[in-house]
C-alpha atoms as a PDB file:
ATOM      1  CA  MET A   1      89.499 114.812  97.116  1.00  0.00           C
ATOM      2  CA  THR A   2      90.011 113.433 100.599  1.00  0.00           C
ATOM      3  CA  PRO A   3      93.489 112.187 101.556  1.00  0.00           C
ATOM      4  CA  ARG A   4      92.181 108.631 101.801  1.00  0.00           C
ATOM      5  CA  ARG A   5      90.760 108.746  98.274  1.00  0.00           C
ATOM      6  CA  ALA A   6      93.943 110.329  96.917  1.00  0.00           C
ATOM      7  CA  ARG A   7      96.069 107.647  98.559  1.00  0.00           C
ATOM      8  CA  ARG A   8      93.784 104.875  97.327  1.00  0.00           C
ATOM      9  CA  ALA A   9      93.734 106.283  93.766  1.00  0.00           C
ATOM     10  CA  SER A  10      97.502 106.613  93.640  1.00  0.00           C
ATOM     11  CA  LEU A  11      98.052 103.055  94.889  1.00  0.00           C
ATOM     12  CA  GLN A  12      95.641 101.424  92.417  1.00  0.00           C
ATOM     13  CA  TRP A  13      97.604 102.122  89.243  1.00  0.00           C
ATOM     14  CA  PRO A  14      99.858  99.053  89.465  1.00  0.00           C
ATOM     15  CA  ALA A  15      96.706  96.923  89.762  1.00  0.00           C
ATOM     16  CA  VAL A  16      95.152  98.764  86.800  1.00  0.00           C
ATOM     17  CA  LEU A  17      98.269  98.025  84.782  1.00  0.00           C
ATOM     18  CA  LEU A  18      98.212  94.328  85.705  1.00  0.00           C
ATOM     19  CA  LEU A  19      94.510  93.984  84.867  1.00  0.00           C
ATOM     20  CA  TRP A  20      95.013  95.835  81.599  1.00  0.00           C
ATOM     21  CA  LEU A  21      97.976  93.619  80.635  1.00  0.00           C
ATOM     22  CA  GLY A  22      95.938  90.544  81.552  1.00  0.00           C
ATOM     23  CA  TRP A  23      93.081  91.752  79.341  1.00  0.00           C
ATOM     24  CA  CYS A  24      95.384  92.327  76.365  1.00  0.00           C
ATOM     25  CA  THR A  25      97.029  88.941  76.923  1.00  0.00           C
ATOM     26  CA  PHE A  26      93.634  87.247  77.127  1.00  0.00           C
ATOM     27  CA  TRP A  27      92.562  88.710  73.788  1.00  0.00           C
ATOM     28  CA  GLY A  28      96.005  88.098  72.247  1.00  0.00           C
ATOM     29  CA  SER A  29      95.945  91.453  70.527  1.00  0.00           C
ATOM     30  CA  VAL A  30      97.063  95.037  71.000  1.00  0.00           C
ATOM     31  CA  SER A  31      94.542  96.614  68.658  1.00  0.00           C
ATOM     32  CA  PRO A  32      93.320 100.068  69.692  1.00  0.00           C
ATOM     33  CA  LEU A  33      89.879  98.698  70.608  1.00  0.00           C
ATOM     34  CA  VAL A  34      91.282  95.934  72.857  1.00  0.00           C
ATOM     35  CA  VAL A  35      93.728  98.350  74.536  1.00  0.00           C
ATOM     36  CA  ALA A  36      91.052 101.003  75.158  1.00  0.00           C
ATOM     37  CA  CYS A  37      88.423  98.540  76.382  1.00  0.00           C
ATOM     38  CA  GLY A  38      90.943  96.839  78.665  1.00  0.00           C
ATOM     39  CA  LEU A  39      91.999 100.133  80.230  1.00  0.00           C
ATOM     40  CA  VAL A  40      88.400 101.284  80.771  1.00  0.00           C
ATOM     41  CA  LEU A  41      87.417  97.901  82.212  1.00  0.00           C
ATOM     42  CA  ALA A  42      90.446  97.781  84.555  1.00  0.00           C
ATOM     43  CA  VAL A  43      89.699 101.275  85.912  1.00  0.00           C
ATOM     44  CA  ALA A  44      85.998 100.444  86.303  1.00  0.00           C
ATOM     45  CA  VAL A  45      86.677  97.195  88.158  1.00  0.00           C
ATOM     46  CA  LEU A  46      89.060  98.868  90.590  1.00  0.00           C
ATOM     47  CA  CYS A  47      86.721 101.817  91.164  1.00  0.00           C
ATOM     48  CA  LEU A  48      83.819  99.473  91.927  1.00  0.00           C
ATOM     49  CA  PHE A  49      85.905  96.945  93.903  1.00  0.00           C
ATOM     50  CA  PRO A  50      88.920  98.770  95.366  1.00  0.00           C
ATOM     51  CA  LEU A  51      91.732  96.638  96.717  1.00  0.00           C
ATOM     52  CA  PRO A  52      92.670  96.966 100.385  1.00  0.00           C
ATOM     53  CA  LEU A  53      95.843  98.814 101.238  1.00  0.00           C
ATOM     54  CA  VAL A  54      98.722  96.405 101.911  1.00  0.00           C
ATOM     55  CA  VAL A  55     101.670  97.890 103.748  1.00  0.00           C
ATOM     56  CA  LEU A  56     105.086  96.269 103.572  1.00  0.00           C
ATOM     57  CA  ASP A  57     107.048  98.193 106.154  1.00  0.00           C
ATOM     58  CA  GLY A  58     110.680  97.434 105.478  1.00  0.00           C
ATOM     59  CA  ARG A  59     112.886  96.271 102.676  1.00  0.00           C
ATOM     60  CA  VAL A  60     113.457  93.124 100.694  1.00  0.00           C
ATOM     61  CA  ARG A  61     116.820  91.505 101.377  1.00  0.00           C
ATOM     62  CA  PRO A  62     117.925  89.670  98.188  1.00  0.00           C
ATOM     63  CA  VAL A  63     120.286  87.154  99.810  1.00  0.00           C
ATOM     64  CA  ALA A  64     117.727  86.154 102.452  1.00  0.00           C
ATOM     65  CA  LEU A  65     115.032  86.020  99.746  1.00  0.00           C
ATOM     66  CA  GLY A  66     117.257  83.648  97.763  1.00  0.00           C
ATOM     67  CA  ILE A  67     117.767  81.470 100.837  1.00  0.00           C
ATOM     68  CA  LEU A  68     113.993  81.445 101.384  1.00  0.00           C
ATOM     69  CA  ALA A  69     113.376  80.374  97.781  1.00  0.00           C
ATOM     70  CA  VAL A  70     116.045  77.638  97.776  1.00  0.00           C
ATOM     71  CA  ARG A  71     114.943  76.255 101.127  1.00  0.00           C
ATOM     72  CA  PHE A  72     111.306  76.283  99.989  1.00  0.00           C
ATOM     73  CA  VAL A  73     112.172  74.257  96.874  1.00  0.00           C
ATOM     74  CA  LEU A  74     114.174  71.776  98.987  1.00  0.00           C
ATOM     75  CA  ASP A  75     111.278  71.449 101.457  1.00  0.00           C
ATOM     76  CA  LEU A  76     108.889  70.981  98.547  1.00  0.00           C
ATOM     77  CA  VAL A  77     110.942  68.155  97.015  1.00  0.00           C
ATOM     78  CA  ARG A  78     111.579  66.438 100.360  1.00  0.00           C
ATOM     79  CA  ALA A  79     107.912  66.619 101.393  1.00  0.00           C
ATOM     80  CA  SER A  80     106.719  65.434  97.963  1.00  0.00           C
ATOM     81  CA  VAL A  81     108.913  62.335  98.191  1.00  0.00           C
ATOM     82  CA  HIS A  82     107.752  61.704 101.763  1.00  0.00           C
ATOM     83  CA  VAL A  83     104.042  62.020 100.901  1.00  0.00           C
ATOM     84  CA  ALA A  84     104.503  59.823  97.827  1.00  0.00           C
ATOM     85  CA  TRP A  85     106.166  57.179 100.004  1.00  0.00           C
ATOM     86  CA  LEU A  86     103.302  57.365 102.519  1.00  0.00           C
ATOM     87  CA  ALA A  87     100.819  56.834  99.688  1.00  0.00           C
ATOM     88  CA  LEU A  88     102.673  53.889  98.138  1.00  0.00           C
ATOM     89  CA  ARG A  89     103.825  51.957 101.195  1.00  0.00           C
ATOM     90  CA  PRO A  90     101.747  48.900 102.166  1.00  0.00           C
ATOM     91  CA  ARG A  91     101.059  50.058 105.750  1.00  0.00           C
ATOM     92  CA  PRO A  92      97.934  51.787 107.118  1.00  0.00           C
ATOM     93  CA  VAL A  93      97.471  55.538 106.874  1.00  0.00           C
ATOM     94  CA  PRO A  94      99.771  57.308 109.362  1.00  0.00           C
ATOM     95  CA  PRO A  95      98.274  59.471 112.115  1.00  0.00           C
ATOM     96  CA  SER A  96      97.926  63.186 111.550  1.00  0.00           C
ATOM     97  CA  ALA A  97      97.630  66.108 113.950  1.00  0.00           C
ATOM     98  CA  VAL A  98      96.653  69.743 114.250  1.00  0.00           C
ATOM     99  CA  VAL A  99      99.345  72.154 115.444  1.00  0.00           C
ATOM    100  CA  THR A 100      98.600  75.674 116.683  1.00  0.00           C
ATOM    101  CA  VAL A 101     101.556  78.059 116.318  1.00  0.00           C
ATOM    102  CA  ARG A 102     101.771  81.695 117.398  1.00  0.00           C
ATOM    103  CA  LEU A 103     103.996  83.478 114.904  1.00  0.00           C
ATOM    104  CA  ARG A 104     106.501  86.157 115.906  1.00  0.00           C
ATOM    105  CA  SER A 105     105.001  88.737 113.573  1.00  0.00           C
ATOM    106  CA  SER A 106     101.382  89.797 113.283  1.00  0.00           C
ATOM    107  CA  ASN A 107     101.980  91.781 110.072  1.00  0.00           C
ATOM    108  CA  ASP A 108      99.424  90.658 107.477  1.00  0.00           C
ATOM    109  CA  VAL A 109     102.027  90.273 104.721  1.00  0.00           C
ATOM    110  CA  HIS A 110     104.357  88.170 106.874  1.00  0.00           C
ATOM    111  CA  VAL A 111     101.548  85.966 108.191  1.00  0.00           C
ATOM    112  CA  ALA A 112      99.997  85.465 104.742  1.00  0.00           C
ATOM    113  CA  LEU A 113     103.333  84.634 103.111  1.00  0.00           C
ATOM    114  CA  THR A 114     104.250  82.207 105.882  1.00  0.00           C
ATOM    115  CA  ALA A 115     100.830  80.536 105.660  1.00  0.00           C
ATOM    116  CA  ALA A 116     101.097  80.244 101.877  1.00  0.00           C
ATOM    117  CA  LEU A 117     104.565  78.700 102.025  1.00  0.00           C
ATOM    118  CA  VAL A 118     103.507  76.239 104.744  1.00  0.00           C
ATOM    119  CA  THR A 119     100.412  75.201 102.779  1.00  0.00           C
ATOM    120  CA  LEU A 120     102.280  74.768  99.503  1.00  0.00           C
ATOM    121  CA  VAL A 121     104.534  72.115 101.035  1.00  0.00           C
ATOM    122  CA  PRO A 122     102.807  68.712 100.705  1.00  0.00           C
ATOM    123  CA  GLY A 123     101.711  67.143 103.982  1.00  0.00           C
ATOM    124  CA  SER A 124     100.688  70.378 105.709  1.00  0.00           C
ATOM    125  CA  VAL A 125      97.607  72.547 105.278  1.00  0.00           C
ATOM    126  CA  VAL A 126      96.817  75.788 107.084  1.00  0.00           C
ATOM    127  CA  ILE A 127      93.309  75.400 108.488  1.00  0.00           C
ATOM    128  CA  GLU A 128      92.941  78.795 110.110  1.00  0.00           C
ATOM    129  CA  ILE A 129      94.824  82.070 110.297  1.00  0.00           C
ATOM    130  CA  GLY A 130      94.162  84.083 113.432  1.00  0.00           C
ATOM    131  CA  ARG A 131      94.210  87.873 113.314  1.00  0.00           C
ATOM    132  CA  SER A 132      97.015  88.070 115.880  1.00  0.00           C
ATOM    133  CA  GLY A 133      99.389  85.852 113.914  1.00  0.00           C
ATOM    134  CA  VAL A 134      98.210  82.399 114.997  1.00  0.00           C
ATOM    135  CA  LEU A 135      98.309  79.568 112.468  1.00  0.00           C
ATOM    136  CA  VAL A 136      96.363  76.349 112.893  1.00  0.00           C
ATOM    137  CA  VAL A 137      98.001  73.741 110.673  1.00  0.00           C
ATOM    138  CA  HIS A 138      96.997  70.150 109.847  1.00  0.00           C
ATOM    139  CA  VAL A 139     100.142  68.027 109.545  1.00  0.00           C
ATOM    140  CA  LEU A 140     100.400  64.562 108.013  1.00  0.00           C
ATOM    141  CA  ASP A 141     102.423  61.675 109.515  1.00  0.00           C
ATOM    142  CA  VAL A 142     102.694  62.626 113.196  1.00  0.00           C
ATOM    143  CA  PRO A 143     103.221  59.371 115.120  1.00  0.00           C
ATOM    144  CA  ASP A 144     104.438  60.949 118.385  1.00  0.00           C
ATOM    145  CA  VAL A 145     104.832  64.183 120.344  1.00  0.00           C
ATOM    146  CA  GLU A 146     108.365  64.687 119.027  1.00  0.00           C
ATOM    147  CA  ALA A 147     106.980  64.841 115.481  1.00  0.00           C
ATOM    148  CA  LEU A 148     104.536  67.543 116.653  1.00  0.00           C
ATOM    149  CA  HIS A 149     107.421  69.602 117.980  1.00  0.00           C
ATOM    150  CA  ARG A 150     109.364  69.117 114.725  1.00  0.00           C
ATOM    151  CA  ALA A 151     106.338  70.311 112.731  1.00  0.00           C
ATOM    152  CA  ARG A 152     106.006  73.379 114.973  1.00  0.00           C
ATOM    153  CA  ALA A 153     109.727  74.108 114.670  1.00  0.00           C
ATOM    154  CA  GLY A 154     109.498  73.807 110.881  1.00  0.00           C
ATOM    155  CA  ILE A 155     106.678  76.353 110.735  1.00  0.00           C
ATOM    156  CA  LEU A 156     108.597  78.786 112.957  1.00  0.00           C
ATOM    157  CA  ALA A 157     111.737  78.269 110.848  1.00  0.00           C
ATOM    158  CA  GLN A 158     109.742  79.080 107.709  1.00  0.00           C
ATOM    159  CA  GLU A 159     108.486  82.266 109.357  1.00  0.00           C
ATOM    160  CA  ALA A 160     112.038  83.188 110.407  1.00  0.00           C
ATOM    161  CA  ARG A 161     113.150  82.918 106.768  1.00  0.00           C
ATOM    162  CA  VAL A 162     110.214  85.099 105.673  1.00  0.00           C
ATOM    163  CA  LEU A 163     111.068  87.709 108.319  1.00  0.00           C
ATOM    164  CA  ALA A 164     114.725  87.653 107.264  1.00  0.00           C
ATOM    165  CA  ALA A 165     113.769  88.134 103.599  1.00  0.00           C
ATOM    166  CA  LEU A 166     111.308  90.966 104.346  1.00  0.00           C
ATOM    167  CA  GLU A 167     113.102  92.852 107.074  1.00  0.00           C
ATOM    168  CA  ALA A 168     110.873  95.335 108.890  1.00  0.00           C
ATOM    169  CA  ARG A 169     112.118  98.872 109.462  1.00  0.00           C
ATOM    170  CA  GLY A 170     113.268  99.590 112.956  1.00  0.00           C
ATOM    171  CA  ALA A 171     113.100  95.961 114.026  1.00  0.00           C
ATOM    172  CA  PRO A 172     116.333  94.067 114.540  1.00  0.00           C
ATOM    173  CA  ASN A 173     116.816  91.080 112.292  1.00  0.00           C
ATOM    174  CA  VAL A 174     117.601  88.715 115.145  1.00  0.00           C
ATOM    175  CA  PRO A 175     115.704  85.445 115.146  1.00  0.00           C
ATOM    176  CA  VAL A 176     114.045  84.596 118.445  1.00  0.00           C
ATOM    177  CA  ALA A 177     115.321  81.341 119.885  1.00  0.00           C
ATOM    178  CA  ASP A 178     112.753  78.575 120.198  1.00  0.00           C
ATOM    179  CA  GLY A 179     113.179  78.394 123.972  1.00  0.00           C
ATOM    180  CA  ASP A 180     113.149  82.164 124.536  1.00  0.00           C
ATOM    181  CA  PRO A 181     111.188  82.838 127.745  1.00  0.00           C
ATOM    182  CA  ARG A 182     109.985  86.215 126.431  1.00  0.00           C
ATOM    183  CA  ARG A 183     107.991  84.462 123.729  1.00  0.00           C
ATOM    184  CA  PRO A 184     104.686  82.784 124.621  1.00  0.00           C
ATOM    185  CA  ARG A 185     104.725  79.083 123.900  1.00  0.00           C
ATOM    186  CA  PRO A 186     102.242  77.992 121.224  1.00  0.00           C
ATOM    187  CA  GLU A 187      99.707  75.296 121.892  1.00  0.00           C
ATOM    188  CA  VAL A 188     100.300  71.885 120.387  1.00  0.00           C
ATOM    189  CA  SER A 189      97.397  69.509 120.154  1.00  0.00           C
ATOM    190  CA  ALA A 190      97.020  66.049 118.689  1.00  0.00           C
END
């Protein structure tokens, strides 16, 4: 067996277990037939359609993960109230904009988690995720340039919380200041 196949086979067992548990839950039974069929089906699915290797280089920091979760819930509630107010108020629809933000990390896990958290907050939708860590986000209620900068800062703050929660090995856990000259400035377009 080649090293790639051995690595892939060893990393698929958690997925096999999750598929198998899902199968047993779906059938609502743990009879020998359901258990055996679920295990065979889970192995067959993952042999035919292997999952890509996802590498999380670093460690999970529980306190920072808790801060990320609490702040996400607060953002979710605040944005839900704001979007509800925009829908109910008797004025015309507010202007929206598209913001392009270059993230600090290009790690697939960090970019995907940041994009998911940004999209789950009402009033913002990730339109495109660039391979080098660039997010293109549609933002609701952007009447001026200052609101564009606030939206951009909010996306970078969300990424900073993700990076703090999933600290990478060998990389210092120091957030980059927004005005840091070493960091390329993202494009902002209306």
